[in-house]
């Protein structure tokens, strides 16, 4: 202990020995590991504190220990590999951003929240209501049907030429030459480079708290498969992510107001579709658009396209 602790430089808060290396300092004075372990503050906040400020912080953090001991996570939202996780205790209406440590926030500490995609709001808290906004991402994905179909045609042509090359050379080349040719072929194999319709989801939770003003983070949206892109696969991943975000938003809203309702905005087209009952499912529409592109490119005949369309529509 003496090797790593400094008995001559004692903690100005509690009087314990301080670390010899990499000690956290308040007003230029190192503090002990025990006091350091109580720090759960936004980046850089501790560097702006005086010793008096830090003592007040420790007293407030000690008062929060009761909630920390009560906290039992019933729901977790994992933001990303390099980001954190939000933990919700639904029974007690509590939230924390670190597993088994750090501040626990109550519903009254939540001032508002907003979940967005590339700056466009998806879910946000209101006065006793959760507002859910319609996204343009599904329409943008459907609009890429022509690009995706063209890629598949290009890839099929490449694979056809590759197969013909195999037939021409299979009898004349050695196994090593064949491996070299296959490696070269793989290097130039078509990869889908179409941009994803959206890039980032962002979570912003605004707090009415003496030491935390907000919790915020972002994570990537889904991507197209570079070898076999499909609109329906992308939309499936997108729906899974947004449904989980909706679930988290609902839990945050109930923390703020257990009686809160929910409204859906900018969704008149979706409502009309539901009322008519005549629209085809999104996956069927995606497939029809893809086959239409193949028809236009001369890959399918009119009869083949009509038969496929009837199959997808179930008629």
C-alpha atoms as a PDB file:
ATOM      1  CA  UNK A   1       0.000   0.000   0.000  1.00  0.00           C
ATOM      2  CA  UNK A   2       2.869   2.352   0.849  1.00  0.00           C
ATOM      3  CA  UNK A   3       4.332   1.948  -2.639  1.00  0.00           C
ATOM      4  CA  UNK A   4       1.217   3.311  -4.334  1.00  0.00           C
ATOM      5  CA  UNK A   5      -0.135   5.605  -1.600  1.00  0.00           C
ATOM      6  CA  UNK A   6       1.251   8.885  -0.357  1.00  0.00           C
ATOM      7  CA  UNK A   7       0.964   9.140   3.427  1.00  0.00           C
ATOM      8  CA  UNK A   8       2.434  12.619   3.388  1.00  0.00           C
ATOM      9  CA  UNK A   9      -0.153  14.077   1.025  1.00  0.00           C
ATOM     10  CA  UNK A  10      -3.481  13.392   2.674  1.00  0.00           C
ATOM     11  CA  UNK A  11      -6.912  13.867   1.136  1.00  0.00           C
ATOM     12  CA  UNK A  12      -8.226  17.369   1.985  1.00  0.00           C
ATOM     13  CA  UNK A  13     -11.738  15.895   2.246  1.00  0.00           C
ATOM     14  CA  UNK A  14     -11.351  12.886   4.557  1.00  0.00           C
ATOM     15  CA  UNK A  15      -7.640  12.808   5.523  1.00  0.00           C
ATOM     16  CA  UNK A  16      -6.845   9.434   3.904  1.00  0.00           C
ATOM     17  CA  UNK A  17      -3.618   8.790   1.960  1.00  0.00           C
ATOM     18  CA  UNK A  18      -3.768   9.778  -1.701  1.00  0.00           C
ATOM     19  CA  UNK A  19      -2.457   7.914  -4.779  1.00  0.00           C
ATOM     20  CA  UNK A  20       1.119   8.653  -5.803  1.00  0.00           C
ATOM     21  CA  UNK A  21       0.200   8.429  -9.496  1.00  0.00           C
ATOM     22  CA  UNK A  22      -2.693   9.837 -11.512  1.00  0.00           C
ATOM     23  CA  UNK A  23      -4.540  11.238  -8.527  1.00  0.00           C
ATOM     24  CA  UNK A  24      -7.667  13.338  -9.175  1.00  0.00           C
ATOM     25  CA  UNK A  25      -7.056  16.872  -7.920  1.00  0.00           C
ATOM     26  CA  UNK A  26      -9.406  19.505  -6.531  1.00  0.00           C
ATOM     27  CA  UNK A  27      -7.928  23.017  -6.400  1.00  0.00           C
ATOM     28  CA  UNK A  28      -4.583  21.381  -7.164  1.00  0.00           C
ATOM     29  CA  UNK A  29      -4.779  19.004  -4.186  1.00  0.00           C
ATOM     30  CA  UNK A  30      -4.981  15.217  -4.737  1.00  0.00           C
ATOM     31  CA  UNK A  31      -7.918  13.345  -3.241  1.00  0.00           C
ATOM     32  CA  UNK A  32      -8.038   9.725  -2.062  1.00  0.00           C
ATOM     33  CA  UNK A  33      -9.420   6.787  -4.040  1.00  0.00           C
ATOM     34  CA  UNK A  34     -12.549   6.554  -1.889  1.00  0.00           C
ATOM     35  CA  UNK A  35     -13.543  10.162  -2.523  1.00  0.00           C
ATOM     36  CA  UNK A  36     -12.591   9.763  -6.180  1.00  0.00           C
ATOM     37  CA  UNK A  37     -14.911   6.736  -6.487  1.00  0.00           C
ATOM     38  CA  UNK A  38     -17.890   8.975  -5.613  1.00  0.00           C
ATOM     39  CA  UNK A  39     -17.393  11.167  -8.670  1.00  0.00           C
ATOM     40  CA  UNK A  40     -20.132  10.826 -11.281  1.00  0.00           C
ATOM     41  CA  UNK A  41     -20.085  14.108 -13.162  1.00  0.00           C
ATOM     42  CA  UNK A  42     -20.075  15.332 -16.771  1.00  0.00           C
ATOM     43  CA  UNK A  43     -16.640  15.523 -18.379  1.00  0.00           C
ATOM     44  CA  UNK A  44     -14.553  18.367 -16.984  1.00  0.00           C
ATOM     45  CA  UNK A  45     -17.022  19.353 -14.243  1.00  0.00           C
ATOM     46  CA  UNK A  46     -14.800  18.233 -11.375  1.00  0.00           C
ATOM     47  CA  UNK A  47     -11.942  20.398 -12.676  1.00  0.00           C
ATOM     48  CA  UNK A  48     -14.079  23.514 -12.161  1.00  0.00           C
ATOM     49  CA  UNK A  49     -14.930  22.708  -8.535  1.00  0.00           C
ATOM     50  CA  UNK A  50     -13.517  24.248  -5.399  1.00  0.00           C
ATOM     51  CA  UNK A  51     -13.021  22.098  -2.310  1.00  0.00           C
ATOM     52  CA  UNK A  52     -16.186  23.634  -0.875  1.00  0.00           C
ATOM     53  CA  UNK A  53     -18.102  22.766  -4.056  1.00  0.00           C
ATOM     54  CA  UNK A  54     -16.793  19.207  -3.925  1.00  0.00           C
ATOM     55  CA  UNK A  55     -17.834  18.732  -0.297  1.00  0.00           C
ATOM     56  CA  UNK A  56     -21.363  19.866  -1.212  1.00  0.00           C
ATOM     57  CA  UNK A  57     -21.336  17.463  -4.142  1.00  0.00           C
ATOM     58  CA  UNK A  58     -20.310  14.527  -1.911  1.00  0.00           C
ATOM     59  CA  UNK A  59     -23.118  15.370   0.530  1.00  0.00           C
ATOM     60  CA  UNK A  60     -25.672  15.389  -2.309  1.00  0.00           C
ATOM     61  CA  UNK A  61     -24.274  12.143  -3.709  1.00  0.00           C
ATOM     62  CA  UNK A  62     -24.533  10.558  -0.249  1.00  0.00           C
ATOM     63  CA  UNK A  63     -28.206  11.586  -0.110  1.00  0.00           C
ATOM     64  CA  UNK A  64     -28.700   9.808  -3.441  1.00  0.00           C
ATOM     65  CA  UNK A  65     -27.291   6.542  -2.030  1.00  0.00           C
ATOM     66  CA  UNK A  66     -30.747   5.474  -0.848  1.00  0.00           C
ATOM     67  CA  UNK A  67     -32.052   5.531  -4.421  1.00  0.00           C
ATOM     68  CA  UNK A  68     -28.905   3.796  -5.617  1.00  0.00           C
ATOM     69  CA  UNK A  69     -29.453   0.955  -3.161  1.00  0.00           C
ATOM     70  CA  UNK A  70     -33.151   0.660  -4.125  1.00  0.00           C
ATOM     71  CA  UNK A  71     -32.488   0.647  -7.869  1.00  0.00           C
ATOM     72  CA  UNK A  72     -33.458  -2.580  -9.647  1.00  0.00           C
ATOM     73  CA  UNK A  73     -33.102  -2.456 -13.400  1.00  0.00           C
ATOM     74  CA  UNK A  74     -36.147  -3.789 -15.255  1.00  0.00           C
ATOM     75  CA  UNK A  75     -35.282  -2.380 -18.691  1.00  0.00           C
ATOM     76  CA  UNK A  76     -32.027  -1.602 -20.467  1.00  0.00           C
ATOM     77  CA  UNK A  77     -31.374   0.267 -23.700  1.00  0.00           C
ATOM     78  CA  UNK A  78     -27.914  -0.411 -25.094  1.00  0.00           C
ATOM     79  CA  UNK A  79     -26.838   2.590 -27.144  1.00  0.00           C
ATOM     80  CA  UNK A  80     -23.772   1.111 -28.833  1.00  0.00           C
ATOM     81  CA  UNK A  81     -20.492  -0.735 -28.429  1.00  0.00           C
ATOM     82  CA  UNK A  82     -18.526   2.428 -27.626  1.00  0.00           C
ATOM     83  CA  UNK A  83     -21.396   4.177 -25.861  1.00  0.00           C
ATOM     84  CA  UNK A  84     -23.292   3.497 -22.693  1.00  0.00           C
ATOM     85  CA  UNK A  85     -26.513   1.894 -21.594  1.00  0.00           C
ATOM     86  CA  UNK A  86     -29.600   3.458 -20.061  1.00  0.00           C
ATOM     87  CA  UNK A  87     -31.113   1.524 -17.154  1.00  0.00           C
ATOM     88  CA  UNK A  88     -34.708   1.981 -16.029  1.00  0.00           C
ATOM     89  CA  UNK A  89     -36.279   0.838 -12.761  1.00  0.00           C
ATOM     90  CA  UNK A  90     -39.956   0.922 -13.737  1.00  0.00           C
ATOM     91  CA  UNK A  91     -41.266  -0.122 -10.327  1.00  0.00           C
ATOM     92  CA  UNK A  92     -39.672   2.872  -8.605  1.00  0.00           C
ATOM     93  CA  UNK A  93     -39.660   5.278 -11.583  1.00  0.00           C
ATOM     94  CA  UNK A  94     -35.873   5.645 -11.628  1.00  0.00           C
ATOM     95  CA  UNK A  95     -33.184   6.059 -14.289  1.00  0.00           C
ATOM     96  CA  UNK A  96     -29.427   5.699 -14.318  1.00  0.00           C
ATOM     97  CA  UNK A  97     -26.749   5.769 -17.013  1.00  0.00           C
ATOM     98  CA  UNK A  98     -24.163   3.507 -15.377  1.00  0.00           C
ATOM     99  CA  UNK A  99     -24.557  -0.073 -14.246  1.00  0.00           C
ATOM    100  CA  UNK A 100     -24.504  -0.513 -10.459  1.00  0.00           C
ATOM    101  CA  UNK A 101     -22.925   2.878  -9.832  1.00  0.00           C
ATOM    102  CA  UNK A 102     -23.407   6.603 -10.238  1.00  0.00           C
ATOM    103  CA  UNK A 103     -26.364   8.923  -9.870  1.00  0.00           C
ATOM    104  CA  UNK A 104     -29.916   7.619  -9.919  1.00  0.00           C
ATOM    105  CA  UNK A 105     -32.432  10.084 -11.342  1.00  0.00           C
ATOM    106  CA  UNK A 106     -36.105  10.303 -10.416  1.00  0.00           C
ATOM    107  CA  UNK A 107     -38.963  11.184 -12.720  1.00  0.00           C
ATOM    108  CA  UNK A 108     -39.011  14.712 -11.328  1.00  0.00           C
ATOM    109  CA  UNK A 109     -35.392  15.124 -12.469  1.00  0.00           C
ATOM    110  CA  UNK A 110     -36.379  14.589 -16.118  1.00  0.00           C
ATOM    111  CA  UNK A 111     -37.251  17.904 -17.766  1.00  0.00           C
ATOM    112  CA  UNK A 112     -37.698  16.666 -21.356  1.00  0.00           C
ATOM    113  CA  UNK A 113     -36.282  14.275 -23.913  1.00  0.00           C
ATOM    114  CA  UNK A 114     -35.936  14.017 -27.673  1.00  0.00           C
ATOM    115  CA  UNK A 115     -35.000  11.103 -29.935  1.00  0.00           C
ATOM    116  CA  UNK A 116     -34.093  11.992 -33.505  1.00  0.00           C
ATOM    117  CA  UNK A 117     -32.657  10.588 -36.728  1.00  0.00           C
ATOM    118  CA  UNK A 118     -30.244  12.850 -38.617  1.00  0.00           C
ATOM    119  CA  UNK A 119     -31.718  15.850 -36.799  1.00  0.00           C
ATOM    120  CA  UNK A 120     -35.368  14.985 -37.539  1.00  0.00           C
ATOM    121  CA  UNK A 121     -37.480  14.290 -34.432  1.00  0.00           C
ATOM    122  CA  UNK A 122     -38.907  10.791 -34.009  1.00  0.00           C
ATOM    123  CA  UNK A 123     -40.114  10.893 -30.389  1.00  0.00           C
ATOM    124  CA  UNK A 124     -40.276  13.742 -27.891  1.00  0.00           C
ATOM    125  CA  UNK A 125     -41.838  14.475 -24.551  1.00  0.00           C
ATOM    126  CA  UNK A 126     -44.600  17.024 -24.264  1.00  0.00           C
ATOM    127  CA  UNK A 127     -46.993  18.292 -21.626  1.00  0.00           C
ATOM    128  CA  UNK A 128     -48.476  14.989 -20.490  1.00  0.00           C
ATOM    129  CA  UNK A 129     -48.044  13.369 -23.884  1.00  0.00           C
ATOM    130  CA  UNK A 130     -45.455  11.487 -25.922  1.00  0.00           C
ATOM    131  CA  UNK A 131     -45.290  12.858 -29.479  1.00  0.00           C
ATOM    132  CA  UNK A 132     -44.391  10.288 -32.147  1.00  0.00           C
ATOM    133  CA  UNK A 133     -43.380  11.716 -35.528  1.00  0.00           C
ATOM    134  CA  UNK A 134     -43.618   9.866 -38.832  1.00  0.00           C
ATOM    135  CA  UNK A 135     -40.315   9.228 -40.594  1.00  0.00           C
ATOM    136  CA  UNK A 136     -39.540   9.678 -44.284  1.00  0.00           C
ATOM    137  CA  UNK A 137     -36.965   6.855 -44.182  1.00  0.00           C
ATOM    138  CA  UNK A 138     -39.344   4.107 -45.471  1.00  0.00           C
ATOM    139  CA  UNK A 139     -40.259   6.277 -48.475  1.00  0.00           C
ATOM    140  CA  UNK A 140     -36.596   6.999 -49.172  1.00  0.00           C
ATOM    141  CA  UNK A 141     -35.783   3.282 -48.986  1.00  0.00           C
ATOM    142  CA  UNK A 142     -38.588   2.466 -51.423  1.00  0.00           C
ATOM    143  CA  UNK A 143     -37.268   5.184 -53.713  1.00  0.00           C
ATOM    144  CA  UNK A 144     -33.975   3.281 -53.983  1.00  0.00           C
ATOM    145  CA  UNK A 145     -35.609   0.220 -55.587  1.00  0.00           C
ATOM    146  CA  UNK A 146     -34.298   1.130 -59.064  1.00  0.00           C
ATOM    147  CA  UNK A 147     -30.711   1.561 -57.808  1.00  0.00           C
ATOM    148  CA  UNK A 148     -30.841  -1.740 -55.934  1.00  0.00           C
ATOM    149  CA  UNK A 149     -32.283  -3.578 -58.946  1.00  0.00           C
ATOM    150  CA  UNK A 150     -29.568  -2.160 -61.212  1.00  0.00           C
ATOM    151  CA  UNK A 151     -26.899  -3.351 -58.777  1.00  0.00           C
ATOM    152  CA  UNK A 152     -28.317  -6.879 -58.780  1.00  0.00           C
ATOM    153  CA  UNK A 153     -28.349  -6.934 -62.585  1.00  0.00           C
ATOM    154  CA  UNK A 154     -24.748  -5.708 -62.678  1.00  0.00           C
ATOM    155  CA  UNK A 155     -23.726  -8.344 -60.141  1.00  0.00           C
ATOM    156  CA  UNK A 156     -25.514 -11.113 -62.055  1.00  0.00           C
ATOM    157  CA  UNK A 157     -23.689 -10.104 -65.242  1.00  0.00           C
ATOM    158  CA  UNK A 158     -20.370 -10.128 -63.391  1.00  0.00           C
ATOM    159  CA  UNK A 159     -21.071 -13.584 -61.956  1.00  0.00           C
ATOM    160  CA  UNK A 160     -22.099 -14.847 -65.422  1.00  0.00           C
ATOM    161  CA  UNK A 161     -18.788 -13.668 -66.890  1.00  0.00           C
ATOM    162  CA  UNK A 162     -16.980 -15.160 -63.913  1.00  0.00           C
ATOM    163  CA  UNK A 163     -18.618 -18.554 -64.494  1.00  0.00           C
ATOM    164  CA  UNK A 164     -17.685 -18.471 -68.198  1.00  0.00           C
ATOM    165  CA  UNK A 165     -14.093 -17.630 -67.242  1.00  0.00           C
ATOM    166  CA  UNK A 166     -14.053 -20.635 -64.917  1.00  0.00           C
ATOM    167  CA  UNK A 167     -15.208 -22.905 -67.737  1.00  0.00           C
ATOM    168  CA  UNK A 168     -12.560 -21.596 -70.132  1.00  0.00           C
ATOM    169  CA  UNK A 169      -9.685 -21.938 -67.698  1.00  0.00           C
ATOM    170  CA  UNK A 170     -10.541 -24.872 -65.434  1.00  0.00           C
ATOM    171  CA  UNK A 171      -8.677 -27.397 -67.627  1.00  0.00           C
ATOM    172  CA  UNK A 172      -5.574 -25.313 -68.367  1.00  0.00           C
ATOM    173  CA  UNK A 173      -4.592 -23.652 -65.107  1.00  0.00           C
ATOM    174  CA  UNK A 174      -2.933 -25.008 -62.005  1.00  0.00           C
ATOM    175  CA  UNK A 175      -4.612 -24.888 -58.582  1.00  0.00           C
ATOM    176  CA  UNK A 176      -2.354 -21.987 -57.594  1.00  0.00           C
ATOM    177  CA  UNK A 177      -3.252 -20.044 -60.746  1.00  0.00           C
ATOM    178  CA  UNK A 178      -6.911 -20.719 -60.067  1.00  0.00           C
ATOM    179  CA  UNK A 179      -6.604 -19.384 -56.498  1.00  0.00           C
ATOM    180  CA  UNK A 180      -4.846 -16.257 -57.773  1.00  0.00           C
ATOM    181  CA  UNK A 181      -7.574 -15.661 -60.334  1.00  0.00           C
ATOM    182  CA  UNK A 182     -10.322 -16.159 -57.740  1.00  0.00           C
ATOM    183  CA  UNK A 183      -8.633 -13.719 -55.376  1.00  0.00           C
ATOM    184  CA  UNK A 184      -8.454 -11.161 -58.166  1.00  0.00           C
ATOM    185  CA  UNK A 185     -12.089 -11.817 -59.041  1.00  0.00           C
ATOM    186  CA  UNK A 186     -13.149 -11.313 -55.417  1.00  0.00           C
ATOM    187  CA  UNK A 187     -11.228  -8.046 -55.323  1.00  0.00           C
ATOM    188  CA  UNK A 188     -13.261  -6.606 -58.183  1.00  0.00           C
ATOM    189  CA  UNK A 189     -16.582  -8.210 -57.305  1.00  0.00           C
ATOM    190  CA  UNK A 190     -19.357  -5.583 -57.258  1.00  0.00           C
ATOM    191  CA  UNK A 191     -20.213  -4.178 -53.836  1.00  0.00           C
ATOM    192  CA  UNK A 192     -23.273  -2.057 -53.190  1.00  0.00           C
ATOM    193  CA  UNK A 193     -22.155   1.470 -52.352  1.00  0.00           C
ATOM    194  CA  UNK A 194     -25.547   3.153 -52.216  1.00  0.00           C
ATOM    195  CA  UNK A 195     -25.816   5.516 -49.227  1.00  0.00           C
ATOM    196  CA  UNK A 196     -28.044   4.483 -46.353  1.00  0.00           C
ATOM    197  CA  UNK A 197     -31.194   6.639 -46.106  1.00  0.00           C
ATOM    198  CA  UNK A 198     -30.220   7.735 -42.604  1.00  0.00           C
ATOM    199  CA  UNK A 199     -26.982   7.805 -40.637  1.00  0.00           C
ATOM    200  CA  UNK A 200     -27.425   8.487 -36.924  1.00  0.00           C
ATOM    201  CA  UNK A 201     -29.991   8.173 -34.175  1.00  0.00           C
ATOM    202  CA  UNK A 202     -29.560  10.637 -31.313  1.00  0.00           C
ATOM    203  CA  UNK A 203     -30.907  10.512 -27.754  1.00  0.00           C
ATOM    204  CA  UNK A 204     -31.102  13.711 -25.662  1.00  0.00           C
ATOM    205  CA  UNK A 205     -32.483  13.672 -22.115  1.00  0.00           C
ATOM    206  CA  UNK A 206     -32.636  17.102 -20.470  1.00  0.00           C
ATOM    207  CA  UNK A 207     -32.429  17.081 -16.667  1.00  0.00           C
ATOM    208  CA  UNK A 208     -33.421  19.440 -13.896  1.00  0.00           C
ATOM    209  CA  UNK A 209     -30.570  18.400 -11.613  1.00  0.00           C
ATOM    210  CA  UNK A 210     -27.825  20.314  -9.754  1.00  0.00           C
ATOM    211  CA  UNK A 211     -24.966  18.343 -11.356  1.00  0.00           C
ATOM    212  CA  UNK A 212     -26.354  16.902 -14.593  1.00  0.00           C
ATOM    213  CA  UNK A 213     -28.056  19.054 -17.209  1.00  0.00           C
ATOM    214  CA  UNK A 214     -28.398  16.367 -19.866  1.00  0.00           C
ATOM    215  CA  UNK A 215     -27.619  12.833 -20.931  1.00  0.00           C
ATOM    216  CA  UNK A 216     -26.971  12.514 -24.653  1.00  0.00           C
ATOM    217  CA  UNK A 217     -25.516  10.002 -27.053  1.00  0.00           C
ATOM    218  CA  UNK A 218     -25.873   8.802 -30.626  1.00  0.00           C
ATOM    219  CA  UNK A 219     -25.499   5.572 -32.553  1.00  0.00           C
ATOM    220  CA  UNK A 220     -25.554   4.425 -36.157  1.00  0.00           C
ATOM    221  CA  UNK A 221     -28.630   3.394 -38.076  1.00  0.00           C
ATOM    222  CA  UNK A 222     -28.835   0.232 -40.212  1.00  0.00           C
ATOM    223  CA  UNK A 223     -26.846  -0.294 -43.383  1.00  0.00           C
ATOM    224  CA  UNK A 224     -27.502  -2.120 -46.616  1.00  0.00           C
ATOM    225  CA  UNK A 225     -25.841  -5.483 -47.128  1.00  0.00           C
ATOM    226  CA  UNK A 226     -23.023  -4.699 -49.558  1.00  0.00           C
ATOM    227  CA  UNK A 227     -23.230  -8.090 -51.286  1.00  0.00           C
ATOM    228  CA  UNK A 228     -26.996  -8.589 -51.420  1.00  0.00           C
ATOM    229  CA  UNK A 229     -28.870  -5.378 -50.596  1.00  0.00           C
ATOM    230  CA  UNK A 230     -32.628  -5.681 -50.132  1.00  0.00           C
ATOM    231  CA  UNK A 231     -35.019  -2.888 -49.243  1.00  0.00           C
ATOM    232  CA  UNK A 232     -37.076  -5.217 -47.060  1.00  0.00           C
ATOM    233  CA  UNK A 233     -34.003  -6.291 -45.066  1.00  0.00           C
ATOM    234  CA  UNK A 234     -33.037  -2.679 -44.452  1.00  0.00           C
ATOM    235  CA  UNK A 235     -36.578  -1.750 -43.418  1.00  0.00           C
ATOM    236  CA  UNK A 236     -36.759  -4.731 -41.067  1.00  0.00           C
ATOM    237  CA  UNK A 237     -33.587  -3.579 -39.255  1.00  0.00           C
ATOM    238  CA  UNK A 238     -34.832   0.011 -39.242  1.00  0.00           C
ATOM    239  CA  UNK A 239     -38.209  -0.996 -37.766  1.00  0.00           C
ATOM    240  CA  UNK A 240     -36.520  -3.052 -35.050  1.00  0.00           C
ATOM    241  CA  UNK A 241     -34.392  -0.075 -34.007  1.00  0.00           C
ATOM    242  CA  UNK A 242     -37.211   2.464 -34.059  1.00  0.00           C
ATOM    243  CA  UNK A 243     -39.588   0.133 -32.220  1.00  0.00           C
ATOM    244  CA  UNK A 244     -37.018  -0.227 -29.442  1.00  0.00           C
ATOM    245  CA  UNK A 245     -36.559   3.549 -29.359  1.00  0.00           C
ATOM    246  CA  UNK A 246     -40.329   3.947 -29.129  1.00  0.00           C
ATOM    247  CA  UNK A 247     -40.410   1.524 -26.203  1.00  0.00           C
ATOM    248  CA  UNK A 248     -37.675   3.442 -24.395  1.00  0.00           C
ATOM    249  CA  UNK A 249     -39.431   6.764 -25.080  1.00  0.00           C
ATOM    250  CA  UNK A 250     -42.657   5.344 -23.620  1.00  0.00           C
ATOM    251  CA  UNK A 251     -40.862   4.284 -20.447  1.00  0.00           C
ATOM    252  CA  UNK A 252     -39.194   7.693 -20.063  1.00  0.00           C
ATOM    253  CA  UNK A 253     -42.545   9.416 -20.611  1.00  0.00           C
ATOM    254  CA  UNK A 254     -44.192   7.282 -17.920  1.00  0.00           C
ATOM    255  CA  UNK A 255     -41.375   8.219 -15.538  1.00  0.00           C
ATOM    256  CA  UNK A 256     -42.182  11.880 -16.126  1.00  0.00           C
ATOM    257  CA  UNK A 257     -45.958  11.420 -16.026  1.00  0.00           C
ATOM    258  CA  UNK A 258     -47.519   8.008 -15.277  1.00  0.00           C
ATOM    259  CA  UNK A 259     -50.811   9.200 -16.839  1.00  0.00           C
ATOM    260  CA  UNK A 260     -49.251  10.515 -20.061  1.00  0.00           C
ATOM    261  CA  UNK A 261     -50.878   9.686 -23.389  1.00  0.00           C
ATOM    262  CA  UNK A 262     -49.415   9.332 -26.867  1.00  0.00           C
ATOM    263  CA  UNK A 263     -50.071  11.102 -30.173  1.00  0.00           C
ATOM    264  CA  UNK A 264     -48.835  10.294 -33.682  1.00  0.00           C
ATOM    265  CA  UNK A 265     -48.020  13.249 -35.927  1.00  0.00           C
ATOM    266  CA  UNK A 266     -47.536  13.567 -39.704  1.00  0.00           C
ATOM    267  CA  UNK A 267     -49.026  10.141 -40.271  1.00  0.00           C
ATOM    268  CA  UNK A 268     -52.139  10.952 -42.314  1.00  0.00           C
ATOM    269  CA  UNK A 269     -50.953   8.816 -45.237  1.00  0.00           C
ATOM    270  CA  UNK A 270     -50.453   5.846 -42.948  1.00  0.00           C
ATOM    271  CA  UNK A 271     -53.899   6.417 -41.413  1.00  0.00           C
ATOM    272  CA  UNK A 272     -55.506   6.511 -44.851  1.00  0.00           C
ATOM    273  CA  UNK A 273     -53.784   3.264 -45.749  1.00  0.00           C
ATOM    274  CA  UNK A 274     -55.041   1.595 -42.581  1.00  0.00           C
ATOM    275  CA  UNK A 275     -58.578   2.818 -43.210  1.00  0.00           C
ATOM    276  CA  UNK A 276     -58.688   1.705 -46.833  1.00  0.00           C
ATOM    277  CA  UNK A 277     -57.299  -1.746 -46.077  1.00  0.00           C
ATOM    278  CA  UNK A 278     -56.400  -1.970 -49.763  1.00  0.00           C
ATOM    279  CA  UNK A 279     -52.726  -1.090 -49.726  1.00  0.00           C
ATOM    280  CA  UNK A 280     -50.172  -3.830 -50.196  1.00  0.00           C
ATOM    281  CA  UNK A 281     -47.721  -4.564 -47.347  1.00  0.00           C
ATOM    282  CA  UNK A 282     -44.472  -2.578 -47.532  1.00  0.00           C
ATOM    283  CA  UNK A 283     -42.414  -5.695 -48.269  1.00  0.00           C
ATOM    284  CA  UNK A 284     -44.697  -6.593 -51.206  1.00  0.00           C
ATOM    285  CA  UNK A 285     -44.444  -3.064 -52.602  1.00  0.00           C
ATOM    286  CA  UNK A 286     -40.649  -3.213 -52.370  1.00  0.00           C
ATOM    287  CA  UNK A 287     -40.575  -6.534 -54.215  1.00  0.00           C
ATOM    288  CA  UNK A 288     -42.948  -5.310 -56.953  1.00  0.00           C
ATOM    289  CA  UNK A 289     -40.769  -2.246 -57.537  1.00  0.00           C
ATOM    290  CA  UNK A 290     -37.705  -4.426 -57.772  1.00  0.00           C
ATOM    291  CA  UNK A 291     -39.305  -6.777 -60.277  1.00  0.00           C
ATOM    292  CA  UNK A 292     -40.603  -3.788 -62.273  1.00  0.00           C
ATOM    293  CA  UNK A 293     -37.026  -2.548 -62.593  1.00  0.00           C
ATOM    294  CA  UNK A 294     -35.996  -5.989 -63.867  1.00  0.00           C
ATOM    295  CA  UNK A 295     -38.887  -5.859 -66.373  1.00  0.00           C
ATOM    296  CA  UNK A 296     -37.785  -2.436 -67.608  1.00  0.00           C
ATOM    297  CA  UNK A 297     -34.230  -3.719 -67.948  1.00  0.00           C
ATOM    298  CA  UNK A 298     -35.407  -6.650 -70.087  1.00  0.00           C
ATOM    299  CA  UNK A 299     -34.483  -9.308 -67.544  1.00  0.00           C
ATOM    300  CA  UNK A 300     -38.115 -10.397 -67.063  1.00  0.00           C
ATOM    301  CA  UNK A 301     -40.897 -10.757 -69.606  1.00  0.00           C
ATOM    302  CA  UNK A 302     -44.225  -9.002 -69.136  1.00  0.00           C
ATOM    303  CA  UNK A 303     -45.900 -12.338 -68.336  1.00  0.00           C
ATOM    304  CA  UNK A 304     -43.282 -13.177 -65.703  1.00  0.00           C
ATOM    305  CA  UNK A 305     -43.671  -9.760 -64.092  1.00  0.00           C
ATOM    306  CA  UNK A 306     -47.491  -9.967 -63.980  1.00  0.00           C
ATOM    307  CA  UNK A 307     -47.368 -13.473 -62.477  1.00  0.00           C
ATOM    308  CA  UNK A 308     -44.916 -12.339 -59.793  1.00  0.00           C
ATOM    309  CA  UNK A 309     -46.982  -9.250 -59.030  1.00  0.00           C
ATOM    310  CA  UNK A 310     -50.159 -11.309 -58.592  1.00  0.00           C
ATOM    311  CA  UNK A 311     -48.288 -13.702 -56.309  1.00  0.00           C
ATOM    312  CA  UNK A 312     -46.994 -10.892 -54.086  1.00  0.00           C
ATOM    313  CA  UNK A 313     -50.413  -9.236 -53.871  1.00  0.00           C
ATOM    314  CA  UNK A 314     -52.124 -12.543 -53.131  1.00  0.00           C
ATOM    315  CA  UNK A 315     -54.617 -12.283 -56.000  1.00  0.00           C
END
